[in-house]
Each structure stands twice: as C-alpha cells, then as structure tokens.
Amino acid sequence: MNRAQLGAALRALRQASGKEAKAVARGALMSPSKLSKIENAKLAPSATDVERILLAIGVSAEIRAEYTEAARTAGTETTEWRLLKRVGVHKGQQEVKALEAQMSVLRMFQPALVPGLLQIPEYIRAVLQRHNLSDETLARTISGRLDRQSIVYDSSKSLRFIITEPVLRWRIIPPLTMAAQLDRIVSVSRLSHIDIRIVPLNIQQHDVANHSFAIRDNRMVTVEAVHAEVLVTDPRDVEIYVQKFNGFEQVALSGNAMRNLVEGIRDEFLREQETG
C-alpha cells in the first residue's frame, strides 16, 4: 500500500464511520489541515498518526494493527528497472527533470558512477549501453539526460555532489575520454551554486559508501539499487540519508584541494594515453 492508497483508505474509514473530519482530527490530536493532507496523500503519516486517526474513528484493534503496519512501509516506493524499460527509459529522464525543476536543493552521493548531471555524452552512452536498449531508445535517453543538465546552469538551484575517489578511476570509457570527463567535473565545480566534493581513499573513514542516493529538498530520497529505483518519502527515513550525506561531506575534499585531486587523476589518464 502506497501513500495515496493509505490516505484514501483512511478517508473511506472516516466517512464510513459518519464522523466529521474536524472531530476525527481533534480526537487524533492534529489539525484538520494535517488530516486533510494525509487523506489526500500530500503528507506521509507516521505510524503514530495513523493509530491516532483510527482510534478517533473507532475501528477495531485488528484494523488498527493492519493500517499502522502499512504506514510503516508507505514511505517507500519501488520501481523495477524492467518496468521502466517497458514504458521507456527516456520517459524516466523526463520525470526526473520535472522533479528537479520543482526542487531548490539537490544533494547527491555517488560511490559508483559520475553523477548523471555531470556526465559527458560518451560517459552517458557507456553507462546506458549496459541495459541493452534499442538504438532509438539509447539516443533518446542520452538526449534526455543532456537536456536535464541545463539545471546545472540554473543559479537559483543549489546542487551538492559527493563522489568517492574510485569513481574517478573506474574505467568505463577509454583514458582520453575519462580525462575529458574529469575536466568536466573540474569546470562545473567552479560555478558558485555548485558544490562538488571528493571522498579520498587516503583518509580514515567512519562510514560505508553503500550505494548512490539523491536527496531533494529534504522531502524525498531516490536510491538506485541493482534491480530498481527506490523512492523514500517518510521524513524519518529521509533524515537517515541526510545524516549520511552530512557525514561524508565533513571528510570530503572541496574547492582547490578537490580540484587538485581530480586534475592529478586526469593527468594520469593523459600520460597513459601518450605512452599507450
């Protein structure tokens, strides 16, 4: 049961009970506005919120237990990659662009690949070719990702990236092209509203770089798993990712120190190309 289904179910239970929204909100110790947002799927309720609402409605303990458990999982939605491929991967790029147009702050942690907003066309192609897309779909998806990158130059947005050093060395494209990709990272890092940080290999770590994730305005997190994209909206779970991002941000290199590291790795690729 997702957030929309849960909200609709709570509204249906309240209406079936014959109780007005104001009375239920009062009994649930919340404002009528909050109850309305929960019922209309504009706010993800906590398990405690759901239990209080159901107590105010007067449903059985069995129903309360069922819906309270549903609330614990409603803050997470999963979309399998195979389903996204059926409807069109390029459409996924359009949906992400719409999300990014509405946000003010993006925080992205990436321990596997260069973040999509920073990728050059050759890198994008190498990443997408793993998915066995048709030539037409591949071309449309590359175009969609490049179109998304216009947000990089929107100074009204704050974009913060944390990348682990192995990403800069991962040979997904040839050395000369990797050098161009690293130049792109350095170039974008000089924009005033962009913050790019690199977690170096030569310092002691106190956390584990499990997987990539993106936080948008402290409202939602998207996590890229091997089989699916997971959308997290429960504020308690979002906060876990915020804290993880903040922890890596404190140990990552920024500014000139970051650029020196990236340029040093770039020069290694260039020397390899010259002697190869």
Protein backbone atom coordinates (compact mmCIF):
# COMPACT_ATOMS: atom_id res chain seq x y z
CA MET A 1 0.00 0.00 0.00
CA ASN A 2 1.49 3.34 -1.06
CA ARG A 3 0.83 6.76 0.44
CA ALA A 4 -2.08 7.57 -1.89
CA GLN A 5 -3.80 4.25 -1.16
CA LEU A 6 -3.30 4.66 2.58
CA GLY A 7 -4.73 8.18 2.54
CA ALA A 8 -7.76 7.07 0.52
CA ALA A 9 -8.35 4.14 2.88
CA LEU A 10 -8.25 6.38 5.96
CA ARG A 11 -10.70 8.79 4.33
CA ALA A 12 -13.05 5.91 3.43
CA LEU A 13 -12.95 4.56 7.01
CA ARG A 14 -13.70 8.00 8.43
CA GLN A 15 -16.60 8.57 6.03
CA ALA A 16 -17.99 5.10 6.77
CA SER A 17 -17.95 5.93 10.46
CA GLY A 18 -20.11 9.00 9.87
CA LYS A 19 -17.71 11.24 11.80
CA GLU A 20 -16.72 14.67 10.52
CA ALA A 21 -13.10 15.42 9.70
CA LYS A 22 -12.86 18.11 12.41
CA ALA A 23 -13.97 15.69 15.11
CA VAL A 24 -11.56 12.99 14.00
CA ALA A 25 -8.69 15.48 13.78
CA ARG A 26 -9.44 16.71 17.29
CA GLY A 27 -9.53 13.15 18.61
CA ALA A 28 -6.28 12.35 16.81
CA LEU A 29 -4.54 15.39 18.35
CA MET A 30 -3.83 17.02 14.98
CA SER A 31 -5.13 19.94 12.97
CA PRO A 32 -7.90 19.44 10.38
CA SER A 33 -5.37 20.66 7.79
CA LYS A 34 -2.95 17.86 8.64
CA LEU A 35 -5.69 15.24 8.47
CA SER A 36 -6.77 16.58 5.08
CA LYS A 37 -3.20 16.38 3.76
CA ILE A 38 -2.88 12.79 4.96
CA GLU A 39 -6.19 11.76 3.39
CA ASN A 40 -5.24 13.43 0.09
CA ALA A 41 -1.73 11.89 0.02
CA LYS A 42 0.00 15.26 0.36
CA LEU A 43 1.64 14.22 3.63
CA ALA A 44 3.07 10.84 4.59
CA PRO A 45 1.63 9.91 8.01
CA SER A 46 3.72 8.26 10.69
CA ALA A 47 2.53 5.01 12.23
CA THR A 48 1.56 7.06 15.31
CA ASP A 49 -0.53 9.44 13.18
CA VAL A 50 -2.41 6.51 11.64
CA GLU A 51 -3.03 4.87 15.00
CA ARG A 52 -4.42 8.11 16.47
CA ILE A 53 -6.68 8.67 13.48
CA LEU A 54 -8.05 5.14 13.68
CA LEU A 55 -8.58 5.42 17.43
CA ALA A 56 -10.54 8.64 16.84
CA ILE A 57 -12.61 6.91 14.15
CA GLY A 58 -13.22 3.95 16.44
CA VAL A 59 -12.15 0.95 14.36
CA SER A 60 -11.18 -2.46 15.74
CA ALA A 61 -7.72 -3.25 17.11
CA GLU A 62 -7.17 -5.63 14.19
CA ILE A 63 -7.77 -2.90 11.60
CA ARG A 64 -5.58 -0.50 13.58
CA ALA A 65 -2.70 -3.00 13.54
CA GLU A 66 -3.09 -3.61 9.80
CA TYR A 67 -3.06 0.05 8.81
CA THR A 68 -0.37 1.05 11.28
CA GLU A 69 1.93 -1.52 9.71
CA ALA A 70 1.01 -0.19 6.26
CA ALA A 71 2.05 3.29 7.39
CA ARG A 72 5.49 1.99 8.29
CA THR A 73 6.09 0.91 4.70
CA ALA A 74 4.14 3.58 2.80
CA GLY A 75 7.10 5.95 2.90
CA THR A 76 8.99 3.77 0.43
CA GLU A 77 8.03 3.01 -3.18
CA THR A 78 9.96 0.81 -5.59
CA THR A 79 10.02 0.92 -9.39
CA GLU A 80 11.78 -2.03 -11.02
CA TRP A 81 14.14 -1.18 -13.88
CA ARG A 82 12.50 -3.81 -16.12
CA LEU A 83 9.18 -1.97 -15.79
CA LEU A 84 10.83 1.36 -16.58
CA LYS A 85 12.37 -0.17 -19.71
CA ARG A 86 8.92 -1.20 -20.90
CA VAL A 87 7.45 2.29 -20.65
CA GLY A 88 10.65 3.92 -21.98
CA VAL A 89 13.83 4.84 -20.13
CA HIS A 90 13.78 8.26 -21.80
CA LYS A 91 10.45 8.96 -20.08
CA GLY A 92 12.19 8.38 -16.77
CA GLN A 93 14.58 11.20 -17.67
CA GLN A 94 11.59 13.48 -18.28
CA GLU A 95 10.11 12.63 -14.88
CA VAL A 96 13.40 13.32 -13.10
CA LYS A 97 13.73 16.63 -14.95
CA ALA A 98 10.26 17.63 -13.71
CA LEU A 99 11.26 16.77 -10.12
CA GLU A 100 14.45 18.77 -10.41
CA ALA A 101 12.60 21.78 -11.83
CA GLN A 102 10.50 21.93 -8.64
CA MET A 103 13.30 21.48 -6.12
CA SER A 104 15.61 24.11 -4.64
CA VAL A 105 18.37 21.91 -3.22
CA LEU A 106 19.79 18.67 -4.57
CA ARG A 107 22.27 16.58 -2.58
CA MET A 108 23.71 13.57 -4.39
CA PHE A 109 26.06 10.91 -3.06
CA GLN A 110 27.69 8.72 -5.70
CA PRO A 111 30.18 5.90 -4.91
CA ALA A 112 29.77 4.09 -8.25
CA LEU A 113 29.49 6.47 -11.21
CA VAL A 114 29.93 10.13 -12.11
CA PRO A 115 26.55 11.77 -11.26
CA GLY A 116 24.26 11.99 -14.29
CA LEU A 117 24.13 15.80 -14.23
CA LEU A 118 27.93 15.89 -14.62
CA GLN A 119 28.35 13.18 -17.28
CA ILE A 120 29.70 13.90 -20.76
CA PRO A 121 27.87 12.24 -23.72
CA GLU A 122 30.44 9.44 -24.11
CA TYR A 123 30.14 8.55 -20.44
CA ILE A 124 26.33 8.58 -20.62
CA ARG A 125 26.43 6.19 -23.57
CA ALA A 126 28.78 3.80 -21.76
CA VAL A 127 26.51 3.76 -18.70
CA LEU A 128 23.30 3.18 -20.67
CA GLN A 129 24.69 0.54 -23.02
CA ARG A 130 24.65 -1.90 -20.08
CA HIS A 131 20.85 -2.02 -20.32
CA ASN A 132 20.59 -3.47 -23.86
CA LEU A 133 18.47 -0.60 -25.14
CA SER A 134 17.49 -0.24 -28.79
CA ASP A 135 19.45 2.32 -30.80
CA GLU A 136 16.46 4.66 -30.86
CA THR A 137 15.80 4.39 -27.12
CA LEU A 138 19.50 4.83 -26.36
CA ALA A 139 19.68 8.00 -28.46
CA ARG A 140 16.51 9.44 -26.90
CA THR A 141 17.68 8.64 -23.36
CA ILE A 142 21.10 10.25 -23.94
CA SER A 143 19.34 13.32 -25.32
CA GLY A 144 17.03 13.38 -22.29
CA ARG A 145 19.92 13.24 -19.84
CA LEU A 146 21.79 16.01 -21.65
CA ASP A 147 18.61 18.09 -21.63
CA ARG A 148 18.36 17.57 -17.85
CA GLN A 149 21.84 19.03 -17.45
CA SER A 150 20.55 22.54 -18.18
CA ILE A 151 19.71 22.71 -14.47
CA VAL A 152 23.46 22.81 -13.75
CA TYR A 153 23.46 26.40 -15.04
CA ASP A 154 20.39 27.49 -13.08
CA SER A 155 21.84 29.63 -10.29
CA SER A 156 18.54 29.55 -8.38
CA LYS A 157 19.28 25.91 -7.51
CA SER A 158 21.82 24.63 -5.01
CA LEU A 159 23.48 21.44 -6.26
CA ARG A 160 25.77 19.50 -3.92
CA PHE A 161 27.62 16.39 -5.05
CA ILE A 162 29.76 13.96 -3.08
CA ILE A 163 31.75 11.47 -5.16
CA THR A 164 34.15 8.81 -3.90
CA GLU A 165 37.65 8.73 -5.42
CA PRO A 166 37.26 5.25 -7.05
CA VAL A 167 34.54 6.74 -9.30
CA LEU A 168 37.20 8.96 -10.87
CA ARG A 169 39.36 5.93 -11.66
CA TRP A 170 36.66 3.50 -12.83
CA ARG A 171 37.47 2.71 -16.47
CA ILE A 172 34.03 2.76 -18.04
CA ILE A 173 35.39 4.73 -21.03
CA PRO A 174 38.89 4.98 -22.60
CA PRO A 175 41.64 7.01 -20.82
CA LEU A 176 41.46 10.10 -23.04
CA THR A 177 37.69 10.28 -22.67
CA MET A 178 37.96 9.77 -18.91
CA ALA A 179 40.33 12.75 -18.85
CA ALA A 180 37.66 14.82 -20.62
CA GLN A 181 35.07 13.62 -18.08
CA LEU A 182 37.27 14.70 -15.17
CA ASP A 183 37.81 18.09 -16.85
CA ARG A 184 34.01 18.46 -16.94
CA ILE A 185 33.81 17.87 -13.19
CA VAL A 186 36.51 20.49 -12.52
CA SER A 187 34.82 23.01 -14.82
CA VAL A 188 31.36 22.65 -13.26
CA SER A 189 32.84 22.84 -9.74
CA ARG A 190 33.76 26.49 -10.35
CA LEU A 191 30.10 27.57 -10.63
CA SER A 192 29.07 29.46 -7.50
CA HIS A 193 25.90 27.46 -6.80
CA ILE A 194 27.61 24.08 -7.29
CA ASP A 195 29.50 22.22 -4.56
CA ILE A 196 31.41 19.11 -5.65
CA ARG A 197 33.36 17.14 -3.06
CA ILE A 198 35.51 14.04 -3.37
CA VAL A 199 35.95 11.46 -0.60
CA PRO A 200 39.65 10.48 -0.92
CA LEU A 201 40.99 6.99 -0.40
CA ASN A 202 43.89 8.06 1.81
CA ILE A 203 41.94 9.16 4.89
CA GLN A 204 40.34 7.15 7.69
CA GLN A 205 36.62 6.58 7.15
CA HIS A 206 33.91 6.11 9.76
CA ASP A 207 31.06 5.14 7.43
CA VAL A 208 30.46 2.83 4.47
CA ALA A 209 29.68 4.01 0.93
CA ASN A 210 26.78 1.59 0.46
CA HIS A 211 25.09 2.93 -2.67
CA SER A 212 24.18 6.10 -4.51
CA PHE A 213 21.29 8.31 -3.43
CA ALA A 214 19.85 11.73 -4.16
CA ILE A 215 18.08 13.97 -1.63
CA ARG A 216 15.70 16.61 -2.96
CA ASP A 217 14.74 19.44 -0.58
CA ASN A 218 14.73 17.13 2.47
CA ARG A 219 11.40 15.81 1.12
CA MET A 220 12.37 12.71 -0.79
CA VAL A 221 15.30 10.43 -1.49
CA THR A 222 15.83 8.29 -4.59
CA VAL A 223 18.07 5.26 -4.19
CA GLU A 224 19.46 3.31 -7.13
CA ALA A 225 19.57 -0.40 -6.37
CA VAL A 226 20.65 -3.08 -8.83
CA HIS A 227 17.09 -4.13 -9.64
CA ALA A 228 15.08 -0.97 -9.04
CA GLU A 229 14.86 2.68 -8.08
CA VAL A 230 13.54 3.19 -4.55
CA LEU A 231 11.69 6.37 -3.59
CA VAL A 232 11.80 7.28 0.11
CA THR A 233 9.44 9.93 1.50
CA ASP A 234 8.99 9.10 5.18
CA PRO A 235 10.67 12.04 7.00
CA ARG A 236 12.34 9.70 9.47
CA ASP A 237 13.97 7.69 6.69
CA VAL A 238 14.88 10.82 4.71
CA GLU A 239 16.72 12.08 7.78
CA ILE A 240 18.88 8.93 7.81
CA TYR A 241 20.15 9.81 4.33
CA VAL A 242 20.64 13.47 5.27
CA GLN A 243 22.85 12.42 8.18
CA LYS A 244 24.83 10.02 5.99
CA PHE A 245 25.38 12.76 3.40
CA ASN A 246 26.48 15.22 6.10
CA GLY A 247 28.95 12.71 7.50
CA PHE A 248 30.68 12.18 4.15
CA GLU A 249 30.55 15.90 3.43
CA GLN A 250 32.72 16.56 6.51
CA VAL A 251 35.53 14.23 5.36
CA ALA A 252 35.41 15.02 1.63
CA LEU A 253 37.79 17.36 -0.17
CA SER A 254 36.32 20.56 -1.59
CA GLY A 255 37.47 23.62 -3.52
CA ASN A 256 41.07 23.67 -4.74
CA ALA A 257 42.00 20.53 -2.79
CA MET A 258 39.26 18.65 -4.61
CA ARG A 259 40.29 20.07 -7.98
CA ASN A 260 43.93 19.17 -7.38
CA LEU A 261 42.96 15.56 -6.74
CA VAL A 262 40.75 15.35 -9.83
CA GLU A 263 43.33 17.03 -12.05
CA GLY A 264 46.04 14.68 -10.76
CA ILE A 265 43.98 11.64 -11.77
CA ARG A 266 43.17 13.29 -15.09
CA ASP A 267 46.88 13.75 -15.76
CA GLU A 268 47.44 10.05 -15.06
CA PHE A 269 44.93 9.18 -17.78
CA LEU A 270 46.61 11.64 -20.19
CA ARG A 271 50.07 10.17 -19.55
CA GLU A 272 48.67 6.69 -20.09
CA GLN A 273 47.21 7.79 -23.42
CA GLU A 274 50.50 9.33 -24.51
CA THR A 275 52.55 6.22 -23.70
CA GLY A 276 49.94 3.68 -24.79
